[in-house]
Amino acid sequence: ERMEADEAFAEAERAARQRLEEEARLKIQEYKTERRRQRQAADDDDDDDDHDVEVVYAPH
């Protein structure tokens, strides 16, 4: 009976750990997706600015 309880506990622990790992993976994926979206938005903003910028080279 003690072994059955230990096995049930170990199984519950494995399931909980697996759930946490899956949640962590999803959060990391969401973070990466959000960062990519922000970078893309920043790149798009930069592209718009290129037409308004006059580059002047100063002699050293």
PDB file of N, CA and C in Angstrom:
ATOM      1  N   GLU A   1       0.836  -1.198   0.000  1.00  0.00           N
ATOM      2  CA  GLU A   1       0.000   0.000   0.000  1.00  0.00           C
ATOM      3  C   GLU A   1       0.880   1.261   0.000  1.00  0.00           C
ATOM      4  N   ARG A   2       1.958   1.195   0.738  1.00  0.00           N
ATOM      5  CA  ARG A   2       2.877   2.337   0.792  1.00  0.00           C
ATOM      6  C   ARG A   2       3.500   2.579  -0.590  1.00  0.00           C
ATOM      7  N   MET A   3       3.864   1.484  -1.287  1.00  0.00           N
ATOM      8  CA  MET A   3       4.458   1.624  -2.623  1.00  0.00           C
ATOM      9  C   MET A   3       3.468   2.229  -3.601  1.00  0.00           C
ATOM     10  N   GLU A   4       2.221   1.817  -3.502  1.00  0.00           N
ATOM     11  CA  GLU A   4       1.196   2.378  -4.398  1.00  0.00           C
ATOM     12  C   GLU A   4       1.060   3.872  -4.185  1.00  0.00           C
ATOM     13  N   ALA A   5       1.088   4.295  -2.933  1.00  0.00           N
ATOM     14  CA  ALA A   5       0.994   5.724  -2.631  1.00  0.00           C
ATOM     15  C   ALA A   5       2.212   6.462  -3.191  1.00  0.00           C
ATOM     16  N   ASP A   6       3.391   5.877  -3.016  1.00  0.00           N
ATOM     17  CA  ASP A   6       4.609   6.491  -3.543  1.00  0.00           C
ATOM     18  C   ASP A   6       4.552   6.598  -5.059  1.00  0.00           C
ATOM     19  N   GLU A   7       4.068   5.550  -5.715  1.00  0.00           N
ATOM     20  CA  GLU A   7       3.964   5.568  -7.179  1.00  0.00           C
ATOM     21  C   GLU A   7       2.950   6.604  -7.639  1.00  0.00           C
ATOM     22  N   ALA A   8       1.828   6.686  -6.935  1.00  0.00           N
ATOM     23  CA  ALA A   8       0.806   7.675  -7.292  1.00  0.00           C
ATOM     24  C   ALA A   8       1.362   9.086  -7.119  1.00  0.00           C
ATOM     25  N   PHE A   9       2.107   9.291  -6.029  1.00  0.00           N
ATOM     26  CA  PHE A   9       2.711  10.603  -5.798  1.00  0.00           C
ATOM     27  C   PHE A   9       3.725  10.929  -6.881  1.00  0.00           C
ATOM     28  N   ALA A  10       4.557   9.952  -7.209  1.00  0.00           N
ATOM     29  CA  ALA A  10       5.573  10.168  -8.239  1.00  0.00           C
ATOM     30  C   ALA A  10       4.916  10.484  -9.578  1.00  0.00           C
ATOM     31  N   GLU A  11       3.830   9.794  -9.895  1.00  0.00           N
ATOM     32  CA  GLU A  11       3.118  10.040 -11.151  1.00  0.00           C
ATOM     33  C   GLU A  11       2.511  11.449 -11.158  1.00  0.00           C
ATOM     34  N   ALA A  12       1.921  11.843 -10.038  1.00  0.00           N
ATOM     35  CA  ALA A  12       1.343  13.189  -9.933  1.00  0.00           C
ATOM     36  C   ALA A  12       2.437  14.251 -10.069  1.00  0.00           C
ATOM     37  N   GLU A  13       3.583  13.964  -9.467  1.00  0.00           N
ATOM     38  CA  GLU A  13       4.715  14.891  -9.547  1.00  0.00           C
ATOM     39  C   GLU A  13       5.204  15.026 -10.994  1.00  0.00           C
ATOM     40  N   ARG A  14       5.295  13.905 -11.693  1.00  0.00           N
ATOM     41  CA  ARG A  14       5.713  13.926 -13.112  1.00  0.00           C
ATOM     42  C   ARG A  14       4.716  14.718 -13.957  1.00  0.00           C
ATOM     43  N   ALA A  15       3.438  14.484 -13.713  1.00  0.00           N
ATOM     44  CA  ALA A  15       2.404  15.190 -14.482  1.00  0.00           C
ATOM     45  C   ALA A  15       2.477  16.699 -14.218  1.00  0.00           C
ATOM     46  N   ALA A  16       2.678  17.068 -12.962  1.00  0.00           N
ATOM     47  CA  ALA A  16       2.766  18.490 -12.619  1.00  0.00           C
ATOM     48  C   ALA A  16       3.991  19.121 -13.269  1.00  0.00           C
ATOM     49  N   ARG A  17       5.114  18.413 -13.218  1.00  0.00           N
ATOM     50  CA  ARG A  17       6.348  18.938 -13.824  1.00  0.00           C
ATOM     51  C   ARG A  17       6.165  19.096 -15.334  1.00  0.00           C
ATOM     52  N   GLN A  18       5.523  18.108 -15.947  1.00  0.00           N
ATOM     53  CA  GLN A  18       5.294  18.166 -17.389  1.00  0.00           C
ATOM     54  C   GLN A  18       4.407  19.361 -17.744  1.00  0.00           C
ATOM     55  N   ARG A  19       3.396  19.587 -16.913  1.00  0.00           N
ATOM     56  CA  ARG A  19       2.491  20.717 -17.155  1.00  0.00           C
ATOM     57  C   ARG A  19       3.257  22.029 -17.035  1.00  0.00           C
ATOM     58  N   LEU A  20       4.092  22.134 -16.009  1.00  0.00           N
ATOM     59  CA  LEU A  20       4.887  23.356 -15.829  1.00  0.00           C
ATOM     60  C   LEU A  20       5.847  23.574 -16.994  1.00  0.00           C
ATOM     61  N   GLU A  21       6.475  22.499 -17.439  1.00  0.00           N
ATOM     62  CA  GLU A  21       7.411  22.628 -18.567  1.00  0.00           C
ATOM     63  C   GLU A  21       6.677  23.077 -19.821  1.00  0.00           C
ATOM     64  N   GLU A  22       5.483  22.532 -20.037  1.00  0.00           N
ATOM     65  CA  GLU A  22       4.702  22.919 -21.219  1.00  0.00           C
ATOM     66  C   GLU A  22       4.293  24.392 -21.126  1.00  0.00           C
ATOM     67  N   GLU A  23       3.865  24.820 -19.934  1.00  0.00           N
ATOM     68  CA  GLU A  23       3.497  26.232 -19.753  1.00  0.00           C
ATOM     69  C   GLU A  23       4.704  27.132 -19.997  1.00  0.00           C
ATOM     70  N   ALA A  24       5.862  26.718 -19.514  1.00  0.00           N
ATOM     71  CA  ALA A  24       7.080  27.509 -19.710  1.00  0.00           C
ATOM     72  C   ALA A  24       7.411  27.603 -21.191  1.00  0.00           C
ATOM     73  N   ARG A  25       7.286  26.483 -21.908  1.00  0.00           N
ATOM     74  CA  ARG A  25       7.551  26.497 -23.357  1.00  0.00           C
ATOM     75  C   ARG A  25       6.605  27.452 -24.074  1.00  0.00           C
ATOM     76  N   LEU A  26       5.336  27.417 -23.693  1.00  0.00           N
ATOM     77  CA  LEU A  26       4.363  28.310 -24.329  1.00  0.00           C
ATOM     78  C   LEU A  26       4.694  29.774 -24.039  1.00  0.00           C
ATOM     79  N   LYS A  27       5.065  30.072 -22.798  1.00  0.00           N
ATOM     80  CA  LYS A  27       5.410  31.456 -22.451  1.00  0.00           C
ATOM     81  C   LYS A  27       6.642  31.927 -23.233  1.00  0.00           C
ATOM     82  N   ILE A  28       7.638  31.046 -23.354  1.00  0.00           N
ATOM     83  CA  ILE A  28       8.836  31.395 -24.120  1.00  0.00           C
ATOM     84  C   ILE A  28       8.458  31.651 -25.577  1.00  0.00           C
ATOM     85  N   GLN A  29       7.613  30.799 -26.129  1.00  0.00           N
ATOM     86  CA  GLN A  29       7.190  30.966 -27.519  1.00  0.00           C
ATOM     87  C   GLN A  29       6.428  32.280 -27.696  1.00  0.00           C
ATOM     88  N   GLU A  30       5.528  32.587 -26.745  1.00  0.00           N
ATOM     89  CA  GLU A  30       4.787  33.851 -26.811  1.00  0.00           C
ATOM     90  C   GLU A  30       5.746  35.040 -26.747  1.00  0.00           C
ATOM     91  N   TYR A  31       6.739  34.946 -25.861  1.00  0.00           N
ATOM     92  CA  TYR A  31       7.715  36.022 -25.713  1.00  0.00           C
ATOM     93  C   TYR A  31       8.490  36.229 -27.014  1.00  0.00           C
ATOM     94  N   LYS A  32       8.955  35.116 -27.603  1.00  0.00           N
ATOM     95  CA  LYS A  32       9.714  35.214 -28.854  1.00  0.00           C
ATOM     96  C   LYS A  32       8.852  35.797 -29.961  1.00  0.00           C
ATOM     97  N   THR A  33       7.601  35.357 -30.027  1.00  0.00           N
ATOM     98  CA  THR A  33       6.695  35.865 -31.055  1.00  0.00           C
ATOM     99  C   THR A  33       6.465  37.363 -30.866  1.00  0.00           C
ATOM    100  N   GLU A  34       6.268  37.783 -29.616  1.00  0.00           N
ATOM    101  CA  GLU A  34       6.041  39.202 -29.326  1.00  0.00           C
ATOM    102  C   GLU A  34       7.287  40.019 -29.666  1.00  0.00           C
ATOM    103  N   ARG A  35       8.476  39.523 -29.293  1.00  0.00           N
ATOM    104  CA  ARG A  35       9.719  40.223 -29.613  1.00  0.00           C
ATOM    105  C   ARG A  35       9.884  40.360 -31.131  1.00  0.00           C
ATOM    106  N   ARG A  36       9.583  39.278 -31.856  1.00  0.00           N
ATOM    107  CA  ARG A  36       9.701  39.302 -33.311  1.00  0.00           C
ATOM    108  C   ARG A  36       8.738  40.347 -33.883  1.00  0.00           C
ATOM    109  N   ARG A  37       7.513  40.395 -33.341  1.00  0.00           N
ATOM    110  CA  ARG A  37       6.521  41.353 -33.824  1.00  0.00           C
ATOM    111  C   ARG A  37       6.994  42.782 -33.543  1.00  0.00           C
ATOM    112  N   GLN A  38       7.550  43.002 -32.345  1.00  0.00           N
ATOM    113  CA  GLN A  38       8.034  44.343 -32.007  1.00  0.00           C
ATOM    114  C   GLN A  38       9.199  44.746 -32.899  1.00  0.00           C
ATOM    115  N   ARG A  39      10.113  43.789 -33.149  1.00  0.00           N
ATOM    116  CA  ARG A  39      11.251  44.098 -34.034  1.00  0.00           C
ATOM    117  C   ARG A  39      10.751  44.420 -35.434  1.00  0.00           C
ATOM    118  N   GLN A  40       9.780  43.661 -35.913  1.00  0.00           N
ATOM    119  CA  GLN A  40       9.233  43.898 -37.253  1.00  0.00           C
ATOM    120  C   GLN A  40       8.587  45.283 -37.314  1.00  0.00           C
ATOM    121  N   ALA A  41       7.855  45.631 -36.262  1.00  0.00           N
ATOM    122  CA  ALA A  41       7.217  46.949 -36.216  1.00  0.00           C
ATOM    123  C   ALA A  41       8.290  48.042 -36.201  1.00  0.00           C
ATOM    124  N   ALA A  42       9.358  47.829 -35.448  1.00  0.00           N
ATOM    125  CA  ALA A  42      10.446  48.812 -35.395  1.00  0.00           C
ATOM    126  C   ALA A  42      11.122  48.915 -36.756  1.00  0.00           C
ATOM    127  N   ASP A  43      11.335  47.788 -37.419  1.00  0.00           N
ATOM    128  CA  ASP A  43      11.935  47.800 -38.754  1.00  0.00           C
ATOM    129  C   ASP A  43      11.044  48.548 -39.729  1.00  0.00           C
ATOM    130  N   ASP A  44       9.738  48.329 -39.642  1.00  0.00           N
ATOM    131  CA  ASP A  44       8.807  49.022 -40.530  1.00  0.00           C
ATOM    132  C   ASP A  44       8.864  50.521 -40.289  1.00  0.00           C
ATOM    133  N   ASP A  45       8.957  50.922 -39.009  1.00  0.00           N
ATOM    134  CA  ASP A  45       9.063  52.344 -38.688  1.00  0.00           C
ATOM    135  C   ASP A  45      10.349  52.925 -39.272  1.00  0.00           C
ATOM    136  N   ASP A  46      11.435  52.184 -39.146  1.00  0.00           N
ATOM    137  CA  ASP A  46      12.717  52.652 -39.675  1.00  0.00           C
ATOM    138  C   ASP A  46      12.635  52.857 -41.184  1.00  0.00           C
ATOM    139  N   ASP A  47      11.973  51.938 -41.876  1.00  0.00           N
ATOM    140  CA  ASP A  47      11.860  52.042 -43.326  1.00  0.00           C
ATOM    141  C   ASP A  47      11.141  53.337 -43.717  1.00  0.00           C
ATOM    142  N   ASP A  48      10.128  53.706 -42.954  1.00  0.00           N
ATOM    143  CA  ASP A  48       9.379  54.922 -43.259  1.00  0.00           C
ATOM    144  C   ASP A  48      10.263  56.159 -43.085  1.00  0.00           C
ATOM    145  N   ASP A  49      11.153  56.110 -42.095  1.00  0.00           N
ATOM    146  CA  ASP A  49      11.988  57.269 -41.797  1.00  0.00           C
ATOM    147  C   ASP A  49      13.092  57.477 -42.837  1.00  0.00           C
ATOM    148  N   ASP A  50      13.490  56.411 -43.520  1.00  0.00           N
ATOM    149  CA  ASP A  50      14.617  56.510 -44.438  1.00  0.00           C
ATOM    150  C   ASP A  50      14.411  57.590 -45.502  1.00  0.00           C
ATOM    151  N   HIS A  51      13.189  57.809 -45.900  1.00  0.00           N
ATOM    152  CA  HIS A  51      12.933  58.755 -46.985  1.00  0.00           C
ATOM    153  C   HIS A  51      13.069  60.204 -46.518  1.00  0.00           C
ATOM    154  N   ASP A  52      12.967  60.426 -45.201  1.00  0.00           N
ATOM    155  CA  ASP A  52      12.988  61.777 -44.664  1.00  0.00           C
ATOM    156  C   ASP A  52      14.372  62.193 -44.165  1.00  0.00           C
ATOM    157  N   VAL A  53      15.333  61.281 -44.197  1.00  0.00           N
ATOM    158  CA  VAL A  53      16.637  61.566 -43.601  1.00  0.00           C
ATOM    159  C   VAL A  53      17.636  61.971 -44.684  1.00  0.00           C
ATOM    160  N   GLU A  54      18.313  63.082 -44.445  1.00  0.00           N
ATOM    161  CA  GLU A  54      19.378  63.495 -45.349  1.00  0.00           C
ATOM    162  C   GLU A  54      20.700  63.166 -44.684  1.00  0.00           C
ATOM    163  N   VAL A  55      21.511  62.386 -45.358  1.00  0.00           N
ATOM    164  CA  VAL A  55      22.790  61.977 -44.777  1.00  0.00           C
ATOM    165  C   VAL A  55      23.861  62.950 -45.224  1.00  0.00           C
ATOM    166  N   VAL A  56      24.577  63.510 -44.256  1.00  0.00           N
ATOM    167  CA  VAL A  56      25.648  64.453 -44.554  1.00  0.00           C
ATOM    168  C   VAL A  56      26.944  63.880 -43.995  1.00  0.00           C
ATOM    169  N   TYR A  57      27.961  63.791 -44.841  1.00  0.00           N
ATOM    170  CA  TYR A  57      29.259  63.285 -44.407  1.00  0.00           C
ATOM    171  C   TYR A  57      30.154  64.467 -44.068  1.00  0.00           C
ATOM    172  N   ALA A  58      30.605  64.476 -42.834  1.00  0.00           N
ATOM    173  CA  ALA A  58      31.496  65.553 -42.406  1.00  0.00           C
ATOM    174  C   ALA A  58      32.940  65.063 -42.514  1.00  0.00           C
ATOM    175  N   PRO A  59      33.847  65.907 -43.007  1.00  0.00           N
ATOM    176  CA  PRO A  59      35.256  65.491 -43.072  1.00  0.00           C
ATOM    177  C   PRO A  59      35.817  65.361 -41.659  1.00  0.00           C
ATOM    178  N   HIS A  60      36.737  64.431 -41.483  1.00  0.00           N
ATOM    179  CA  HIS A  60      37.327  64.207 -40.154  1.00  0.00           C
ATOM    180  C   HIS A  60      38.479  65.151 -39.949  1.00  0.00           C
TER     181      HIS A  60
END
